[in-house]
Amino acid sequence: MILPIVAYGDPVLKKVAQDITPEYPNFVELLENMYETMYNAFGVGLAAPQIGLPIRLFVVDATPFSEDEDLTEEEQKELQGFKKAFVNAKITAEEGDEWAFNEGCLSIPDVREDVFRKSKITIEYLDENFEPKVETYNGLIARVIQHEYDHIDGILFTEKLSTLKKRLIKGRLDNISKGKIKVDYKMRFPNQKKKR
């Protein structure tokens, strides 16, 4: 089932999300719905807060990036079919040089900005079967994971921008929260005026 994506301005996007247990109700169905919602919006990642749930869960499918011709064949192979669910994740290390990449977010449609992030991460998490994992990722996969991880910590990519950039996009962010934007996927806008 395709769920509405929560827009910028909703308090759930600013909350630090809570861990969950294997007893979380309808977990398998929730995962399926998150993937379906993400694909419907042409995203490569989706965190539970973006569908209104303050829990430490996000899904990633980096396959669309594998078609980027600027990448090496090895990088393309690594991205192809990289699809994972991350439960109760904790990034334990961020290393390497910071590099800029033009990021966007399904909760902040039509806003894209360069964000600097470290190139390598180590992350501890539980997979969709609640099996513990510790893995290290580089490059675009690391970036997608960092972006989604920020969501479960209540951080949006716009907070990583310079003060000037934040001022320049403030009006657009206000319009997004009010639903004054055209989007081709289901969204829920926190400050939308009700039609009488």
N, C-alpha and C. Protein backbone atom coordinates (compact mmCIF):
# COMPACT_ATOMS: atom_id res chain seq x y z
N MET A 1 0.84 -1.18 0.00
CA MET A 1 0.00 0.00 0.00
C MET A 1 0.89 1.25 0.00
N ILE A 2 0.55 2.18 -0.87
CA ILE A 2 1.33 3.42 -0.94
C ILE A 2 0.84 4.37 0.16
N LEU A 3 1.76 4.80 0.99
CA LEU A 3 1.43 5.68 2.12
C LEU A 3 1.77 7.12 1.78
N PRO A 4 1.07 8.08 2.40
CA PRO A 4 1.45 9.48 2.16
C PRO A 4 2.78 9.81 2.84
N ILE A 5 3.61 10.56 2.14
CA ILE A 5 4.89 10.99 2.70
C ILE A 5 4.68 12.32 3.42
N VAL A 6 5.19 12.39 4.62
CA VAL A 6 5.04 13.57 5.47
C VAL A 6 5.94 14.68 4.94
N ALA A 7 5.37 15.88 4.80
CA ALA A 7 6.12 17.01 4.26
C ALA A 7 6.87 17.78 5.32
N TYR A 8 7.86 18.53 4.85
CA TYR A 8 8.64 19.44 5.69
C TYR A 8 7.70 20.24 6.59
N GLY A 9 8.11 20.40 7.84
CA GLY A 9 7.30 21.17 8.79
C GLY A 9 6.55 20.31 9.78
N ASP A 10 6.41 19.01 9.48
CA ASP A 10 5.72 18.11 10.41
C ASP A 10 6.66 17.79 11.57
N PRO A 11 6.17 17.92 12.82
CA PRO A 11 7.03 17.67 13.99
C PRO A 11 7.68 16.29 14.02
N VAL A 12 7.06 15.28 13.40
CA VAL A 12 7.63 13.92 13.44
C VAL A 12 9.01 13.89 12.77
N LEU A 13 9.25 14.79 11.82
CA LEU A 13 10.54 14.81 11.12
C LEU A 13 11.66 15.39 11.99
N LYS A 14 11.30 16.00 13.12
CA LYS A 14 12.30 16.60 14.01
C LYS A 14 12.54 15.77 15.27
N LYS A 15 11.81 14.66 15.40
CA LYS A 15 11.93 13.81 16.60
C LYS A 15 13.06 12.81 16.44
N VAL A 16 13.76 12.52 17.54
CA VAL A 16 14.69 11.39 17.54
C VAL A 16 13.82 10.14 17.70
N ALA A 17 13.92 9.24 16.72
CA ALA A 17 13.04 8.06 16.68
C ALA A 17 13.45 7.02 17.73
N GLN A 18 12.50 6.14 18.04
CA GLN A 18 12.69 5.12 19.07
C GLN A 18 13.03 3.76 18.45
N ASP A 19 13.83 2.97 19.17
CA ASP A 19 14.12 1.59 18.76
C ASP A 19 12.83 0.77 18.76
N ILE A 20 12.84 -0.29 17.96
CA ILE A 20 11.69 -1.21 17.95
C ILE A 20 12.17 -2.63 18.23
N THR A 21 11.22 -3.50 18.54
CA THR A 21 11.52 -4.91 18.84
C THR A 21 10.91 -5.77 17.73
N PRO A 22 11.28 -7.07 17.68
CA PRO A 22 10.69 -7.96 16.68
C PRO A 22 9.16 -8.08 16.81
N GLU A 23 8.62 -7.65 17.95
CA GLU A 23 7.17 -7.73 18.17
C GLU A 23 6.44 -6.53 17.57
N TYR A 24 7.17 -5.63 16.91
CA TYR A 24 6.51 -4.44 16.36
C TYR A 24 5.36 -4.89 15.45
N PRO A 25 4.14 -4.35 15.66
CA PRO A 25 2.97 -4.83 14.92
C PRO A 25 3.10 -4.67 13.40
N ASN A 26 2.73 -5.73 12.69
CA ASN A 26 2.68 -5.73 11.21
C ASN A 26 3.98 -5.26 10.57
N PHE A 27 5.10 -5.70 11.12
CA PHE A 27 6.41 -5.22 10.64
C PHE A 27 6.67 -5.56 9.17
N VAL A 28 6.37 -6.79 8.78
CA VAL A 28 6.62 -7.23 7.39
C VAL A 28 5.79 -6.38 6.43
N GLU A 29 4.54 -6.16 6.78
CA GLU A 29 3.65 -5.34 5.95
C GLU A 29 4.17 -3.89 5.88
N LEU A 30 4.64 -3.38 7.02
CA LEU A 30 5.19 -2.02 7.06
C LEU A 30 6.37 -1.89 6.10
N LEU A 31 7.28 -2.87 6.13
CA LEU A 31 8.43 -2.85 5.21
C LEU A 31 7.98 -2.83 3.76
N GLU A 32 7.04 -3.71 3.42
CA GLU A 32 6.52 -3.76 2.05
C GLU A 32 5.93 -2.42 1.64
N ASN A 33 5.16 -1.82 2.55
CA ASN A 33 4.53 -0.52 2.26
C ASN A 33 5.57 0.57 2.09
N MET A 34 6.64 0.51 2.88
CA MET A 34 7.70 1.53 2.76
C MET A 34 8.40 1.42 1.42
N TYR A 35 8.73 0.20 1.00
CA TYR A 35 9.37 0.03 -0.32
C TYR A 35 8.44 0.53 -1.43
N GLU A 36 7.16 0.12 -1.34
CA GLU A 36 6.19 0.51 -2.37
C GLU A 36 6.05 2.04 -2.43
N THR A 37 6.00 2.67 -1.28
CA THR A 37 5.88 4.14 -1.19
C THR A 37 7.12 4.80 -1.80
N MET A 38 8.30 4.29 -1.45
CA MET A 38 9.56 4.84 -1.95
C MET A 38 9.64 4.72 -3.47
N TYR A 39 9.32 3.53 -4.01
CA TYR A 39 9.40 3.33 -5.47
C TYR A 39 8.39 4.21 -6.20
N ASN A 40 7.19 4.35 -5.61
CA ASN A 40 6.16 5.18 -6.23
C ASN A 40 6.61 6.64 -6.36
N ALA A 41 7.46 7.08 -5.42
CA ALA A 41 7.94 8.47 -5.42
C ALA A 41 9.33 8.59 -6.09
N PHE A 42 9.81 7.49 -6.67
CA PHE A 42 11.13 7.46 -7.34
C PHE A 42 12.25 7.85 -6.38
N GLY A 43 12.17 7.35 -5.14
CA GLY A 43 13.21 7.60 -4.15
C GLY A 43 14.19 6.46 -4.09
N VAL A 44 15.34 6.70 -3.45
CA VAL A 44 16.33 5.65 -3.22
C VAL A 44 16.44 5.30 -1.74
N GLY A 45 15.69 6.01 -0.91
CA GLY A 45 15.66 5.73 0.52
C GLY A 45 14.41 6.31 1.13
N LEU A 46 13.94 5.70 2.21
CA LEU A 46 12.76 6.21 2.93
C LEU A 46 12.88 5.79 4.38
N ALA A 47 12.72 6.76 5.27
CA ALA A 47 12.78 6.50 6.71
C ALA A 47 11.37 6.53 7.30
N ALA A 48 11.15 5.74 8.34
CA ALA A 48 9.82 5.65 8.96
C ALA A 48 9.25 7.02 9.36
N PRO A 49 10.07 7.96 9.90
CA PRO A 49 9.48 9.27 10.22
C PRO A 49 8.84 9.96 9.01
N GLN A 50 9.31 9.64 7.81
CA GLN A 50 8.75 10.25 6.60
C GLN A 50 7.35 9.74 6.27
N ILE A 51 6.93 8.65 6.94
CA ILE A 51 5.54 8.21 6.80
C ILE A 51 4.81 8.37 8.14
N GLY A 52 5.39 9.23 8.99
CA GLY A 52 4.72 9.60 10.23
C GLY A 52 4.99 8.70 11.42
N LEU A 53 5.95 7.75 11.30
CA LEU A 53 6.23 6.83 12.41
C LEU A 53 7.58 7.17 13.05
N PRO A 54 7.60 7.55 14.33
CA PRO A 54 8.86 7.93 14.99
C PRO A 54 9.65 6.72 15.47
N ILE A 55 9.97 5.81 14.55
CA ILE A 55 10.72 4.60 14.90
C ILE A 55 12.01 4.53 14.07
N ARG A 56 13.01 3.81 14.61
CA ARG A 56 14.34 3.73 13.98
C ARG A 56 14.35 2.64 12.91
N LEU A 57 13.78 3.01 11.77
CA LEU A 57 13.69 2.09 10.64
C LEU A 57 13.81 2.89 9.35
N PHE A 58 14.67 2.42 8.45
CA PHE A 58 14.69 3.00 7.11
C PHE A 58 15.04 1.93 6.09
N VAL A 59 14.61 2.19 4.85
CA VAL A 59 14.90 1.28 3.74
C VAL A 59 15.68 2.03 2.67
N VAL A 60 16.51 1.28 1.95
CA VAL A 60 17.36 1.87 0.92
C VAL A 60 17.36 0.94 -0.29
N ASP A 61 17.28 1.51 -1.48
CA ASP A 61 17.54 0.76 -2.71
C ASP A 61 18.31 1.70 -3.63
N ALA A 62 19.63 1.49 -3.69
CA ALA A 62 20.52 2.39 -4.43
C ALA A 62 20.64 2.05 -5.91
N THR A 63 19.86 1.06 -6.38
CA THR A 63 19.96 0.61 -7.78
C THR A 63 19.89 1.75 -8.80
N PRO A 64 18.98 2.74 -8.65
CA PRO A 64 18.93 3.80 -9.67
C PRO A 64 20.27 4.52 -9.89
N PHE A 65 21.10 4.62 -8.85
CA PHE A 65 22.41 5.27 -8.99
C PHE A 65 23.38 4.44 -9.83
N SER A 66 23.09 3.14 -10.01
CA SER A 66 24.03 2.27 -10.74
C SER A 66 24.11 2.62 -12.22
N GLU A 67 23.18 3.43 -12.70
CA GLU A 67 23.18 3.83 -14.11
C GLU A 67 23.97 5.11 -14.35
N ASP A 68 24.57 5.67 -13.30
CA ASP A 68 25.35 6.90 -13.42
C ASP A 68 26.65 6.62 -14.17
N GLU A 69 26.79 7.25 -15.33
CA GLU A 69 27.96 6.98 -16.18
C GLU A 69 29.26 7.57 -15.64
N ASP A 70 29.16 8.46 -14.64
CA ASP A 70 30.37 9.04 -14.04
C ASP A 70 31.05 8.08 -13.07
N LEU A 71 30.36 6.99 -12.74
CA LEU A 71 30.90 6.02 -11.78
C LEU A 71 31.74 4.97 -12.49
N THR A 72 32.65 4.37 -11.73
CA THR A 72 33.44 3.26 -12.28
C THR A 72 32.52 2.03 -12.39
N GLU A 73 32.97 1.08 -13.18
CA GLU A 73 32.19 -0.16 -13.34
C GLU A 73 32.00 -0.85 -11.99
N GLU A 74 33.04 -0.81 -11.18
CA GLU A 74 32.99 -1.44 -9.84
C GLU A 74 31.93 -0.76 -8.97
N GLU A 75 31.91 0.58 -9.01
CA GLU A 75 30.92 1.33 -8.22
C GLU A 75 29.51 1.04 -8.71
N GLN A 76 29.34 0.96 -10.03
CA GLN A 76 28.02 0.66 -10.59
C GLN A 76 27.54 -0.72 -10.13
N LYS A 77 28.46 -1.69 -10.14
CA LYS A 77 28.12 -3.06 -9.71
C LYS A 77 27.68 -3.08 -8.25
N GLU A 78 28.40 -2.33 -7.41
CA GLU A 78 28.10 -2.29 -5.98
C GLU A 78 26.70 -1.71 -5.73
N LEU A 79 26.32 -0.70 -6.50
CA LEU A 79 25.02 -0.05 -6.34
C LEU A 79 23.88 -0.88 -6.90
N GLN A 80 24.17 -1.66 -7.95
CA GLN A 80 23.14 -2.47 -8.60
C GLN A 80 22.57 -3.49 -7.61
N GLY A 81 21.27 -3.37 -7.34
CA GLY A 81 20.63 -4.34 -6.45
C GLY A 81 20.94 -4.15 -4.98
N PHE A 82 21.54 -2.99 -4.59
CA PHE A 82 21.79 -2.74 -3.17
C PHE A 82 20.47 -2.32 -2.52
N LYS A 83 19.83 -3.29 -1.87
CA LYS A 83 18.50 -3.06 -1.28
C LYS A 83 18.52 -3.64 0.13
N LYS A 84 18.28 -2.79 1.12
CA LYS A 84 18.35 -3.25 2.51
C LYS A 84 17.40 -2.47 3.40
N ALA A 85 16.99 -3.14 4.47
CA ALA A 85 16.25 -2.47 5.55
C ALA A 85 17.20 -2.35 6.74
N PHE A 86 17.15 -1.22 7.41
CA PHE A 86 17.99 -0.95 8.57
C PHE A 86 17.09 -0.68 9.78
N VAL A 87 17.21 -1.54 10.80
CA VAL A 87 16.40 -1.41 12.01
C VAL A 87 17.32 -1.04 13.17
N ASN A 88 16.90 -0.06 13.97
CA ASN A 88 17.66 0.37 15.16
C ASN A 88 19.12 0.67 14.84
N ALA A 89 19.35 1.32 13.72
CA ALA A 89 20.72 1.57 13.26
C ALA A 89 21.47 2.55 14.14
N LYS A 90 22.80 2.35 14.18
CA LYS A 90 23.70 3.27 14.87
C LYS A 90 24.97 3.38 14.04
N ILE A 91 25.24 4.58 13.53
CA ILE A 91 26.51 4.79 12.81
C ILE A 91 27.59 4.94 13.87
N THR A 92 28.59 4.04 13.81
CA THR A 92 29.63 4.04 14.85
C THR A 92 30.89 4.76 14.40
N ALA A 93 31.04 4.99 13.09
CA ALA A 93 32.22 5.72 12.59
C ALA A 93 31.89 6.40 11.28
N GLU A 94 32.38 7.63 11.14
CA GLU A 94 32.33 8.36 9.86
C GLU A 94 33.75 8.81 9.59
N GLU A 95 34.30 8.39 8.44
CA GLU A 95 35.70 8.64 8.15
C GLU A 95 35.88 9.18 6.74
N GLY A 96 37.12 9.56 6.45
CA GLY A 96 37.46 9.99 5.09
C GLY A 96 37.20 11.47 4.89
N ASP A 97 37.47 11.91 3.67
CA ASP A 97 37.28 13.32 3.33
C ASP A 97 35.80 13.60 3.12
N GLU A 98 35.41 14.84 3.48
CA GLU A 98 34.05 15.26 3.18
C GLU A 98 33.95 15.56 1.70
N TRP A 99 32.82 15.20 1.08
CA TRP A 99 32.61 15.49 -0.33
C TRP A 99 31.17 15.94 -0.53
N ALA A 100 31.00 16.78 -1.52
CA ALA A 100 29.68 17.36 -1.80
C ALA A 100 28.92 16.51 -2.80
N PHE A 101 27.62 16.43 -2.59
CA PHE A 101 26.74 15.74 -3.53
C PHE A 101 25.39 16.44 -3.46
N ASN A 102 24.74 16.58 -4.60
CA ASN A 102 23.46 17.27 -4.68
C ASN A 102 22.36 16.34 -4.15
N GLU A 103 21.85 16.66 -2.97
CA GLU A 103 20.85 15.80 -2.32
C GLU A 103 19.45 16.40 -2.43
N GLY A 104 18.49 15.52 -2.43
CA GLY A 104 17.09 15.90 -2.35
C GLY A 104 16.43 15.00 -1.32
N CYS A 105 15.14 15.23 -1.07
CA CYS A 105 14.44 14.46 -0.05
C CYS A 105 12.97 14.39 -0.42
N LEU A 106 12.36 13.21 -0.29
CA LEU A 106 10.96 13.05 -0.64
C LEU A 106 10.04 13.91 0.23
N SER A 107 10.48 14.25 1.44
CA SER A 107 9.69 15.13 2.32
C SER A 107 9.86 16.60 1.97
N ILE A 108 10.85 16.90 1.11
CA ILE A 108 11.13 18.30 0.73
C ILE A 108 11.22 18.35 -0.79
N PRO A 109 10.09 18.13 -1.49
CA PRO A 109 10.14 18.04 -2.94
C PRO A 109 10.63 19.33 -3.60
N ASP A 110 11.32 19.18 -4.71
CA ASP A 110 11.79 20.31 -5.53
C ASP A 110 12.85 21.18 -4.86
N VAL A 111 13.46 20.70 -3.79
CA VAL A 111 14.60 21.40 -3.20
C VAL A 111 15.79 20.44 -3.27
N ARG A 112 16.83 20.87 -3.96
CA ARG A 112 18.06 20.07 -4.06
C ARG A 112 19.23 20.98 -3.77
N GLU A 113 20.14 20.53 -2.92
CA GLU A 113 21.31 21.34 -2.57
C GLU A 113 22.51 20.43 -2.35
N ASP A 114 23.70 20.99 -2.52
CA ASP A 114 24.93 20.25 -2.23
C ASP A 114 25.10 20.11 -0.73
N VAL A 115 25.33 18.88 -0.29
CA VAL A 115 25.55 18.58 1.12
C VAL A 115 26.90 17.89 1.24
N PHE A 116 27.69 18.31 2.24
CA PHE A 116 28.98 17.68 2.50
C PHE A 116 28.83 16.58 3.53
N ARG A 117 29.36 15.40 3.20
CA ARG A 117 29.35 14.27 4.14
C ARG A 117 30.67 13.53 4.02
N LYS A 118 31.01 12.80 5.07
CA LYS A 118 32.21 11.95 5.04
C LYS A 118 31.98 10.80 4.06
N SER A 119 33.08 10.30 3.50
CA SER A 119 32.96 9.32 2.41
C SER A 119 32.78 7.87 2.87
N LYS A 120 33.05 7.58 4.16
CA LYS A 120 33.03 6.18 4.62
C LYS A 120 32.35 6.10 5.98
N ILE A 121 31.47 5.10 6.13
CA ILE A 121 30.79 4.91 7.42
C ILE A 121 30.86 3.45 7.85
N THR A 122 30.78 3.26 9.17
CA THR A 122 30.54 1.92 9.73
C THR A 122 29.23 2.02 10.49
N ILE A 123 28.37 1.04 10.26
CA ILE A 123 27.02 1.08 10.85
C ILE A 123 26.68 -0.27 11.47
N GLU A 124 26.09 -0.21 12.67
CA GLU A 124 25.55 -1.40 13.34
C GLU A 124 24.03 -1.30 13.21
N TYR A 125 23.40 -2.41 12.86
CA TYR A 125 21.95 -2.39 12.72
C TYR A 125 21.40 -3.80 12.77
N LEU A 126 20.09 -3.92 12.80
CA LEU A 126 19.41 -5.20 12.67
C LEU A 126 18.80 -5.24 11.28
N ASP A 127 18.89 -6.39 10.61
CA ASP A 127 18.26 -6.49 9.29
C ASP A 127 16.77 -6.76 9.45
N GLU A 128 16.08 -7.02 8.33
CA GLU A 128 14.61 -7.19 8.40
C GLU A 128 14.20 -8.41 9.21
N ASN A 129 15.14 -9.33 9.48
CA ASN A 129 14.86 -10.49 10.34
C ASN A 129 15.36 -10.27 11.76
N PHE A 130 15.74 -9.03 12.06
CA PHE A 130 16.26 -8.63 13.37
C PHE A 130 17.57 -9.36 13.72
N GLU A 131 18.34 -9.69 12.67
CA GLU A 131 19.67 -10.25 12.85
C GLU A 131 20.67 -9.10 12.92
N PRO A 132 21.58 -9.11 13.93
CA PRO A 132 22.54 -8.01 14.06
C PRO A 132 23.61 -8.02 12.96
N LYS A 133 23.96 -6.84 12.47
CA LYS A 133 24.97 -6.66 11.41
C LYS A 133 25.88 -5.50 11.78
N VAL A 134 27.12 -5.59 11.35
CA VAL A 134 28.06 -4.47 11.40
C VAL A 134 28.71 -4.40 10.03
N GLU A 135 28.52 -3.27 9.32
CA GLU A 135 29.03 -3.18 7.95
C GLU A 135 29.66 -1.81 7.70
N THR A 136 30.55 -1.78 6.73
CA THR A 136 31.22 -0.54 6.34
C THR A 136 30.88 -0.25 4.89
N TYR A 137 30.56 1.01 4.62
CA TYR A 137 30.20 1.43 3.26
C TYR A 137 30.94 2.69 2.87
N ASN A 138 31.14 2.84 1.55
CA ASN A 138 31.82 4.01 1.00
C ASN A 138 30.93 4.69 -0.04
N GLY A 139 31.31 5.91 -0.39
CA GLY A 139 30.74 6.59 -1.55
C GLY A 139 29.25 6.81 -1.48
N LEU A 140 28.55 6.55 -2.60
CA LEU A 140 27.13 6.86 -2.70
C LEU A 140 26.28 6.05 -1.74
N ILE A 141 26.64 4.78 -1.53
CA ILE A 141 25.86 3.96 -0.58
C ILE A 141 25.96 4.57 0.82
N ALA A 142 27.18 4.95 1.20
CA ALA A 142 27.38 5.58 2.51
C ALA A 142 26.52 6.84 2.62
N ARG A 143 26.48 7.62 1.55
CA ARG A 143 25.72 8.88 1.56
C ARG A 143 24.22 8.64 1.71
N VAL A 144 23.68 7.69 0.95
CA VAL A 144 22.25 7.39 1.06
C VAL A 144 21.91 6.95 2.48
N ILE A 145 22.76 6.10 3.05
CA ILE A 145 22.54 5.63 4.42
C ILE A 145 22.62 6.80 5.40
N GLN A 146 23.62 7.68 5.24
CA GLN A 146 23.75 8.84 6.14
C GLN A 146 22.51 9.73 6.07
N HIS A 147 22.00 9.95 4.87
CA HIS A 147 20.82 10.80 4.69
C HIS A 147 19.62 10.19 5.43
N GLU A 148 19.39 8.89 5.24
CA GLU A 148 18.26 8.23 5.89
C GLU A 148 18.47 8.14 7.40
N TYR A 149 19.71 7.89 7.81
CA TYR A 149 20.04 7.81 9.23
C TYR A 149 19.73 9.14 9.92
N ASP A 150 20.05 10.24 9.23
CA ASP A 150 19.71 11.56 9.80
C ASP A 150 18.22 11.65 10.11
N HIS A 151 17.37 11.08 9.25
CA HIS A 151 15.92 11.13 9.48
C HIS A 151 15.54 10.50 10.81
N ILE A 152 16.16 9.37 11.16
CA ILE A 152 15.78 8.72 12.42
C ILE A 152 16.38 9.44 13.63
N ASP A 153 17.28 10.38 13.37
CA ASP A 153 17.80 11.25 14.43
C ASP A 153 17.13 12.63 14.42
N GLY A 154 16.09 12.78 13.58
CA GLY A 154 15.35 14.04 13.54
C GLY A 154 16.07 15.17 12.82
N ILE A 155 16.95 14.81 11.87
CA ILE A 155 17.74 15.82 11.15
C ILE A 155 17.38 15.77 9.66
N LEU A 156 17.14 16.94 9.07
CA LEU A 156 16.88 17.03 7.63
C LEU A 156 18.12 17.58 6.93
N PHE A 157 18.29 17.23 5.65
CA PHE A 157 19.50 17.67 4.94
C PHE A 157 19.60 19.19 4.86
N THR A 158 18.47 19.88 4.92
CA THR A 158 18.49 21.35 4.84
C THR A 158 19.19 21.97 6.06
N GLU A 159 19.26 21.23 7.16
CA GLU A 159 19.94 21.74 8.36
C GLU A 159 21.45 21.73 8.19
N LYS A 160 21.95 21.02 7.19
CA LYS A 160 23.39 20.93 6.96
C LYS A 160 23.88 22.02 6.00
N LEU A 161 22.97 22.91 5.59
CA LEU A 161 23.32 23.96 4.63
C LEU A 161 23.82 25.21 5.36
N SER A 162 24.49 26.08 4.61
CA SER A 162 24.97 27.34 5.18
C SER A 162 23.79 28.23 5.55
N THR A 163 24.03 29.18 6.44
CA THR A 163 22.98 30.11 6.87
C THR A 163 22.39 30.84 5.67
N LEU A 164 23.24 31.24 4.73
CA LEU A 164 22.76 31.93 3.53
C LEU A 164 21.84 31.04 2.72
N LYS A 165 22.26 29.79 2.46
CA LYS A 165 21.43 28.85 1.69
C LYS A 165 20.08 28.63 2.38
N LYS A 166 20.12 28.50 3.71
CA LYS A 166 18.87 28.30 4.47
C LYS A 166 17.93 29.47 4.26
N ARG A 167 18.49 30.69 4.29
CA ARG A 167 17.66 31.89 4.08
C ARG A 167 17.07 31.90 2.67
N LEU A 168 17.88 31.49 1.70
CA LEU A 168 17.43 31.52 0.30
C LEU A 168 16.29 30.53 0.03
N ILE A 169 16.25 29.42 0.76
CA ILE A 169 15.20 28.42 0.49
C ILE A 169 14.04 28.49 1.48
N LYS A 170 14.11 29.41 2.45
CA LYS A 170 13.08 29.48 3.50
C LYS A 170 11.66 29.57 2.93
N GLY A 171 11.46 30.45 1.94
CA GLY A 171 10.13 30.61 1.35
C GLY A 171 9.63 29.34 0.70
N ARG A 172 10.53 28.64 0.01
CA ARG A 172 10.14 27.38 -0.63
C ARG A 172 9.76 26.33 0.41
N LEU A 173 10.51 26.28 1.51
CA LEU A 173 10.20 25.32 2.58
C LEU A 173 8.84 25.64 3.21
N ASP A 174 8.56 26.93 3.43
CA ASP A 174 7.25 27.33 3.98
C ASP A 174 6.12 26.89 3.05
N ASN A 175 6.33 27.08 1.73
CA ASN A 175 5.30 26.68 0.76
C ASN A 175 5.09 25.17 0.77
N ILE A 176 6.18 24.40 0.92
CA ILE A 176 6.05 22.94 0.98
C ILE A 176 5.19 22.55 2.19
N SER A 177 5.48 23.14 3.35
CA SER A 177 4.73 22.78 4.57
C SER A 177 3.24 23.12 4.43
N LYS A 178 2.92 24.13 3.59
CA LYS A 178 1.52 24.54 3.39
C LYS A 178 0.86 23.79 2.23
N GLY A 179 1.63 22.94 1.55
CA GLY A 179 1.07 22.18 0.44
C GLY A 179 0.98 22.99 -0.85
N LYS A 180 1.67 24.13 -0.90
CA LYS A 180 1.65 24.97 -2.10
C LYS A 180 2.74 24.51 -3.06
N ILE A 181 2.58 23.28 -3.54
CA ILE A 181 3.58 22.67 -4.42
C ILE A 181 2.91 21.55 -5.20
N LYS A 182 3.37 21.33 -6.40
CA LYS A 182 2.84 20.21 -7.20
C LYS A 182 3.75 19.01 -7.01
N VAL A 183 3.17 17.90 -6.60
CA VAL A 183 3.94 16.67 -6.35
C VAL A 183 3.19 15.53 -7.02
N ASP A 184 3.93 14.58 -7.61
CA ASP A 184 3.23 13.48 -8.27
C ASP A 184 3.23 12.20 -7.42
N TYR A 185 3.30 12.38 -6.10
CA TYR A 185 3.08 11.25 -5.18
C TYR A 185 2.29 11.76 -3.98
N LYS A 186 1.72 10.80 -3.21
CA LYS A 186 0.87 11.16 -2.08
C LYS A 186 1.69 11.81 -0.97
N MET A 187 1.22 12.97 -0.49
CA MET A 187 1.90 13.64 0.62
C MET A 187 0.89 14.12 1.65
N ARG A 188 1.40 14.34 2.85
CA ARG A 188 0.61 14.94 3.94
C ARG A 188 1.33 16.21 4.35
N PHE A 189 0.63 17.34 4.27
CA PHE A 189 1.24 18.65 4.55
C PHE A 189 0.78 19.16 5.91
N PRO A 190 1.72 19.49 6.81
CA PRO A 190 1.34 19.84 8.18
C PRO A 190 0.60 21.17 8.30
N ASN A 191 0.88 22.12 7.41
CA ASN A 191 0.28 23.46 7.57
C ASN A 191 -0.68 23.81 6.43
N GLN A 192 -1.22 22.78 5.80
CA GLN A 192 -2.15 23.03 4.69
C GLN A 192 -3.48 23.52 5.24
N LYS A 193 -3.97 24.59 4.66
CA LYS A 193 -5.28 25.12 5.05
C LYS A 193 -6.34 24.16 4.53
N LYS A 194 -7.31 23.85 5.41
CA LYS A 194 -8.41 22.96 5.00
C LYS A 194 -9.32 23.71 4.04
N LYS A 195 -9.76 23.00 3.00
CA LYS A 195 -10.73 23.60 2.06
C LYS A 195 -12.10 23.55 2.70
N ARG A 196 -12.83 24.68 2.59
CA ARG A 196 -14.18 24.73 3.20
C ARG A 196 -15.22 24.22 2.24
